[in-house]
Protein backbone atom coordinates (compact mmCIF):
# COMPACT_ATOMS: atom_id res chain seq x y z
CA ASN A 1 40.31 135.52 -3.67
CA ASN A 2 36.65 134.59 -3.29
CA LYS A 3 37.24 131.10 -1.91
CA PRO A 4 35.63 130.21 1.43
CA PRO A 5 38.02 129.66 4.33
CA LEU A 6 39.44 126.19 4.77
CA LEU A 7 37.80 124.45 7.73
CA LEU A 8 39.18 121.17 9.04
CA HIS A 9 37.24 118.43 10.80
CA SER A 10 38.86 115.29 12.15
CA THR A 11 37.31 111.97 13.16
CA TYR A 12 39.09 109.08 14.84
CA HIS A 13 37.66 105.56 14.47
CA GLU A 14 39.23 103.61 17.32
CA ILE A 15 38.02 100.17 16.15
CA HIS A 16 39.68 100.61 12.74
CA ASP A 17 42.51 102.80 14.08
CA GLU A 18 41.80 105.39 11.38
CA LEU A 19 42.06 109.15 11.56
CA ARG A 20 40.11 111.04 8.91
CA LEU A 21 40.81 114.70 8.25
CA TYR A 22 38.05 116.38 6.24
CA PHE A 23 38.33 119.72 4.44
CA HIS A 24 34.96 121.41 4.85
CA ASN A 25 35.13 123.65 1.82
CA SER A 26 34.14 120.59 -0.20
CA THR A 27 30.50 120.13 -1.17
CA SER A 28 30.74 116.95 -3.24
CA THR A 29 28.84 113.84 -2.18
CA ASN A 30 30.74 111.55 -4.56
CA ILE A 31 34.05 110.88 -2.85
CA THR A 32 36.50 108.09 -3.66
CA PHE A 33 39.55 107.11 -1.62
CA GLU A 34 42.80 106.46 -3.46
CA LYS A 35 46.06 105.05 -2.09
CA SER A 36 48.84 107.57 -1.81
CA GLU A 37 52.55 107.03 -2.29
CA GLU A 38 52.94 107.17 1.50
CA GLU A 39 52.28 104.01 3.49
CA ASP A 40 48.89 103.89 5.29
CA ILE A 41 47.64 107.19 3.88
CA GLU A 42 44.71 107.47 1.49
CA VAL A 43 43.45 110.58 -0.26
CA ALA A 44 39.74 111.27 -0.73
CA MET A 45 38.93 112.97 -4.01
CA ASN A 46 35.69 114.33 -5.46
CA ASP A 47 34.52 114.08 -9.07
CA ALA A 48 36.59 117.16 -9.98
CA LYS A 49 39.71 115.36 -8.62
CA GLU A 50 40.01 117.84 -5.74
CA VAL A 51 41.31 116.54 -2.40
CA THR A 52 38.45 116.51 0.13
CA ALA A 53 39.95 114.45 2.97
CA LEU A 54 42.92 112.43 4.14
CA LEU A 55 42.67 109.00 5.77
CA PHE A 56 45.49 107.87 8.07
CA CYS A 57 45.43 104.10 8.67
CA ASN A 58 47.18 102.65 11.74
CA SER A 59 47.15 106.19 13.09
CA SER A 60 47.84 105.27 16.73
CA LYS A 61 51.30 104.12 15.64
CA LYS A 62 52.02 107.16 13.51
CA ILE A 63 50.41 110.21 15.12
CA SER A 64 51.11 111.54 18.58
CA ILE A 65 48.08 112.89 20.46
CA SER A 66 48.74 115.31 23.32
CA LYS A 67 46.38 115.36 26.26
């Protein structure tokens, strides 16, 4: 398999209470977010309809962060 390794990058936007999880093997600059079947989760897709990121809305209520 000649695919590059999957690298993850996460960003938390405290003001909007959003956690974004990016998959760094994506090189597309045209990304659109689409609602998923799950509540408060959106899926970012490139022009080839490949998943490039996940957006978790209201993440402080749904995701536990250990310190």
